[in-house]
Amino acid sequence: MSDRIVVLSGAGISAESGLATFRGSGGLWEGYDINEVASMHGWRKDPAGVLEFYNMRRRQIAKVEPNGAHKAIAELEEQFDVRVVTQNIDDLHERAGSTHVLHLHGELTKARSVKKEDLIVDIGYNDIRYGDLAEDGAQLRPHIVWFGEMVPMIPEAADIVATADILIVIGTSLVVYPAAGLVDYAPPGSDRYIVDPNKPELYNFDNWHHIQEKGVSGMQQLKQILTSN
């Protein structure tokens, strides 16, 4: 049986495809206050405006392509059992060819009822407009985990990380909880790699291999290491 690789990815892996990262811009995301477009407070205040913000994001991801880092992760499936746990709401992992992807914070290409969290529909890259309703008659909202909301996929993600023979962290500083706590579930004897051009902010860096590169070059380098062993 092939070793299992678990990849924890964040916004940095999609940055080289042209998608802006959520943080590192003074609380603004392409000119928008993230607290106004990623919270129930913002939704209640201006649902149409919030919908249009995510419509723009959806149009944006439709125009970009997976980069070499996404593709290198997908290509690892040729030799390994690969599971991706991503904080990203784009679909670039799937479009690169990864077949097991868990989205911690939801997916831009899906919508759900404001009343029933489990009433989820695929919308692709189409807009959601105010007045568009789910099957239960309630307004559709983006299938995104907003600030202050529970992250329902954390337990399943923890179970996946606990099966890792090899753990890869890429595109995330892992300082935001609850996602940051996932690394603690990796088995003690697992091999651990982090791809980051900067020094990682992990509280315990023991037993980690640091590839100090951006996502594309770093992930391609790591693929070479793993497939040549």
Protein backbone atom coordinates (compact mmCIF):
# COMPACT_ATOMS: atom_id res chain seq x y z
CA MET A 1 0.00 0.00 0.00
CA SER A 2 1.35 3.44 -0.91
CA ASP A 3 2.13 6.01 1.74
CA ARG A 4 -0.52 8.59 2.45
CA ILE A 5 0.35 12.24 1.86
CA VAL A 6 -1.84 14.87 3.51
CA VAL A 7 -1.50 18.38 2.14
CA LEU A 8 -2.65 21.40 4.15
CA SER A 9 -2.95 24.32 1.74
CA GLY A 10 -3.84 27.98 2.10
CA ALA A 11 -4.25 31.12 0.05
CA GLY A 12 -0.56 31.35 -0.81
CA ILE A 13 -0.76 28.36 -3.15
CA SER A 14 -3.30 30.16 -5.34
CA ALA A 15 -1.52 33.52 -5.29
CA GLU A 16 0.72 32.50 -8.18
CA SER A 17 -2.42 31.83 -10.23
CA GLY A 18 -3.39 35.47 -9.72
CA LEU A 19 -5.81 35.19 -6.79
CA ALA A 20 -5.37 37.73 -4.02
CA THR A 21 -4.72 36.36 -0.56
CA PHE A 22 -7.28 37.05 2.14
CA ARG A 23 -4.82 38.55 4.59
CA GLY A 24 -1.75 40.73 4.47
CA SER A 25 -3.53 43.72 2.98
CA GLY A 26 -4.53 45.74 6.03
CA GLY A 27 -7.85 43.98 6.48
CA LEU A 28 -8.81 44.71 2.88
CA TRP A 29 -9.44 42.12 0.19
CA GLU A 30 -9.14 43.83 -3.18
CA GLY A 31 -10.50 47.05 -1.66
CA TYR A 32 -13.23 45.41 0.42
CA ASP A 33 -13.33 45.30 4.22
CA ILE A 34 -13.32 41.56 4.86
CA ASN A 35 -15.42 42.05 8.00
CA GLU A 36 -18.20 43.49 5.84
CA VAL A 37 -18.21 40.75 3.21
CA ALA A 38 -17.35 37.70 5.32
CA SER A 39 -19.65 37.95 8.33
CA MET A 40 -23.30 37.59 9.26
CA HIS A 41 -23.20 41.23 10.31
CA GLY A 42 -22.25 42.24 6.78
CA TRP A 43 -24.83 39.88 5.29
CA ARG A 44 -27.68 41.31 7.37
CA LYS A 45 -26.54 44.84 6.55
CA ASP A 46 -26.20 44.43 2.78
CA PRO A 47 -26.98 40.95 1.42
CA ALA A 48 -27.04 42.12 -2.19
CA GLY A 49 -23.61 43.72 -1.79
CA VAL A 50 -22.17 40.59 -0.20
CA LEU A 51 -23.58 38.45 -3.00
CA GLU A 52 -22.04 40.69 -5.63
CA PHE A 53 -18.66 40.52 -3.92
CA TYR A 54 -18.69 36.72 -4.16
CA ASN A 55 -20.06 36.89 -7.70
CA MET A 56 -16.95 38.88 -8.60
CA ARG A 57 -14.73 36.33 -6.86
CA ARG A 58 -16.48 33.53 -8.75
CA ARG A 59 -15.96 35.26 -12.09
CA GLN A 60 -12.32 35.73 -11.15
CA ILE A 61 -11.61 32.07 -10.41
CA ALA A 62 -13.28 31.13 -13.69
CA LYS A 63 -10.57 33.12 -15.50
CA VAL A 64 -7.48 31.75 -13.74
CA GLU A 65 -5.77 28.38 -14.07
CA PRO A 66 -4.16 25.97 -11.60
CA ASN A 67 -0.45 26.61 -11.26
CA GLY A 68 2.54 24.29 -11.01
CA ALA A 69 2.06 23.77 -7.28
CA HIS A 70 -1.52 22.56 -7.68
CA LYS A 71 -0.42 20.31 -10.53
CA ALA A 72 2.55 18.87 -8.61
CA ILE A 73 0.23 17.90 -5.75
CA ALA A 74 -2.18 16.23 -8.17
CA GLU A 75 0.66 14.38 -9.91
CA LEU A 76 1.75 12.87 -6.58
CA GLU A 77 -1.37 10.70 -6.82
CA GLU A 78 0.52 8.61 -9.38
CA GLN A 79 2.67 7.20 -6.56
CA PHE A 80 0.89 8.11 -3.31
CA ASP A 81 -2.51 8.18 -1.65
CA VAL A 82 -2.96 11.96 -1.52
CA ARG A 83 -5.54 13.89 0.52
CA VAL A 84 -5.79 17.68 0.33
CA VAL A 85 -7.24 19.74 3.17
CA THR A 86 -7.48 23.32 1.97
CA GLN A 87 -8.47 26.61 3.54
CA ASN A 88 -9.13 27.92 0.02
CA ILE A 89 -12.58 28.47 -1.46
CA ASP A 90 -11.41 28.21 -5.08
CA ASP A 91 -11.52 25.00 -7.13
CA LEU A 92 -7.95 25.01 -8.42
CA HIS A 93 -6.93 21.79 -6.66
CA GLU A 94 -9.77 19.93 -8.33
CA ARG A 95 -9.08 21.46 -11.72
CA ALA A 96 -5.42 20.45 -11.42
CA GLY A 97 -6.53 16.85 -10.98
CA SER A 98 -6.59 16.22 -7.21
CA THR A 99 -9.35 13.71 -6.47
CA HIS A 100 -9.66 13.97 -2.67
CA VAL A 101 -10.10 17.58 -1.58
CA LEU A 102 -11.72 18.77 1.64
CA HIS A 103 -12.57 22.49 1.81
CA LEU A 104 -12.46 23.80 5.37
CA HIS A 105 -13.99 27.18 4.60
CA GLY A 106 -16.51 26.25 1.91
CA GLU A 107 -16.53 26.54 -1.87
CA LEU A 108 -17.22 29.46 -4.17
CA THR A 109 -18.84 27.18 -6.74
CA LYS A 110 -21.58 26.18 -4.29
CA ALA A 111 -24.47 27.98 -2.61
CA ARG A 112 -26.71 27.06 0.30
CA SER A 113 -29.95 27.99 1.97
CA VAL A 114 -29.77 30.64 4.69
CA LYS A 115 -32.07 28.41 6.76
CA LYS A 116 -30.66 24.92 6.19
CA GLU A 117 -26.87 24.67 6.20
CA ASP A 118 -26.98 21.22 4.62
CA LEU A 119 -29.13 22.33 1.67
CA ILE A 120 -26.22 22.91 -0.72
CA VAL A 121 -26.34 23.30 -4.49
CA ASP A 122 -23.64 23.41 -7.15
CA ILE A 123 -23.76 26.71 -9.05
CA GLY A 124 -20.48 26.53 -10.95
CA TYR A 125 -19.32 30.02 -11.87
CA ASN A 126 -22.82 31.51 -12.04
CA ASP A 127 -23.92 34.52 -10.03
CA ILE A 128 -26.19 34.40 -7.01
CA ARG A 129 -28.63 37.30 -6.95
CA TYR A 130 -30.76 38.63 -4.15
CA GLY A 131 -34.08 36.85 -4.61
CA ASP A 132 -32.55 33.58 -5.83
CA LEU A 133 -34.07 30.91 -3.60
CA ALA A 134 -33.12 27.44 -2.42
CA GLU A 135 -35.56 24.52 -2.62
CA ASP A 136 -36.88 25.37 0.85
CA GLY A 137 -37.86 28.86 -0.31
CA ALA A 138 -35.07 30.61 1.59
CA GLN A 139 -32.52 32.97 0.07
CA LEU A 140 -29.37 31.37 -1.32
CA ARG A 141 -26.08 32.52 0.18
CA PRO A 142 -22.48 31.63 -0.66
CA HIS A 143 -21.39 28.26 0.73
CA ILE A 144 -18.59 29.97 2.63
CA VAL A 145 -17.68 29.85 6.32
CA TRP A 146 -17.75 33.45 7.53
CA PHE A 147 -16.05 34.96 10.55
CA GLY A 148 -17.78 33.89 13.74
CA GLU A 149 -19.31 30.77 12.16
CA MET A 150 -18.40 27.21 13.04
CA VAL A 151 -15.94 25.38 10.79
CA PRO A 152 -17.90 22.13 10.44
CA MET A 153 -15.23 20.19 8.53
CA ILE A 154 -12.54 20.50 11.22
CA PRO A 155 -13.23 17.08 12.84
CA GLU A 156 -13.10 15.31 9.47
CA ALA A 157 -9.92 17.22 8.57
CA ALA A 158 -8.32 16.19 11.87
CA ASP A 159 -9.15 12.56 11.16
CA ILE A 160 -7.48 12.86 7.75
CA VAL A 161 -4.32 14.49 9.15
CA ALA A 162 -4.11 11.71 11.74
CA THR A 163 -3.59 9.21 8.89
CA ALA A 164 -0.63 11.05 7.33
CA ASP A 165 2.63 9.26 6.65
CA ILE A 166 3.82 12.49 5.04
CA LEU A 167 2.42 15.93 5.93
CA ILE A 168 2.90 18.90 3.59
CA VAL A 169 2.00 22.47 4.54
CA ILE A 170 1.95 24.99 1.69
CA GLY A 171 0.56 28.49 1.22
CA THR A 172 -0.46 29.03 4.83
CA SER A 173 1.30 30.39 7.89
CA LEU A 174 -0.91 28.20 10.11
CA VAL A 175 -1.41 30.92 12.71
CA VAL A 176 -5.21 31.13 12.42
CA TYR A 177 -7.23 28.69 14.47
CA PRO A 178 -8.94 26.28 14.26
CA ALA A 179 -7.07 25.28 11.09
CA ALA A 180 -3.69 25.91 12.73
CA GLY A 181 -4.33 23.15 15.24
CA LEU A 182 -4.60 20.49 12.54
CA VAL A 183 -0.84 19.86 12.42
CA ASP A 184 -1.06 18.58 15.99
CA TYR A 185 -3.01 15.56 14.75
CA ALA A 186 -0.20 14.30 12.53
CA PRO A 187 1.30 11.03 13.81
CA PRO A 188 4.57 11.47 15.75
CA GLY A 189 6.63 9.53 13.20
CA SER A 190 5.30 11.26 10.09
CA ASP A 191 7.59 13.16 7.73
CA ARG A 192 6.73 16.86 7.74
CA TYR A 193 7.45 19.44 5.07
CA ILE A 194 6.55 23.10 4.87
CA VAL A 195 6.88 25.11 1.66
CA ASP A 196 7.21 28.78 2.53
CA PRO A 197 9.54 31.52 1.23
CA ASN A 198 9.65 32.94 4.77
CA LYS A 199 10.52 31.35 8.10
CA PRO A 200 7.46 29.44 9.23
CA GLU A 201 5.53 30.70 12.23
CA LEU A 202 4.94 27.24 13.63
CA TYR A 203 5.24 27.28 17.41
CA ASN A 204 7.25 24.06 17.27
CA PHE A 205 9.49 23.70 14.24
CA ASP A 206 11.22 20.51 15.41
CA ASN A 207 11.20 17.63 12.92
CA TRP A 208 10.01 19.85 10.04
CA HIS A 209 11.80 20.11 6.70
CA HIS A 210 11.59 23.68 5.40
CA ILE A 211 11.67 24.28 1.66
CA GLN A 212 12.25 28.01 1.48
CA GLU A 213 10.63 28.70 -1.89
CA LYS A 214 7.39 30.07 -3.28
CA GLY A 215 4.62 27.58 -3.91
CA VAL A 216 5.32 26.56 -7.51
CA SER A 217 9.08 26.11 -7.32
CA GLY A 218 8.93 24.72 -3.79
CA MET A 219 6.25 22.14 -4.53
CA GLN A 220 7.96 21.01 -7.70
CA GLN A 221 11.18 20.62 -5.72
CA LEU A 222 9.37 18.64 -3.02
CA LYS A 223 7.75 16.39 -5.60
CA GLN A 224 11.21 15.51 -6.88
CA ILE A 225 12.34 14.66 -3.36
CA LEU A 226 9.34 12.45 -2.62
CA THR A 227 9.23 10.60 -5.93
CA SER A 228 12.97 9.89 -6.04
CA ASN A 229 13.04 8.18 -2.65
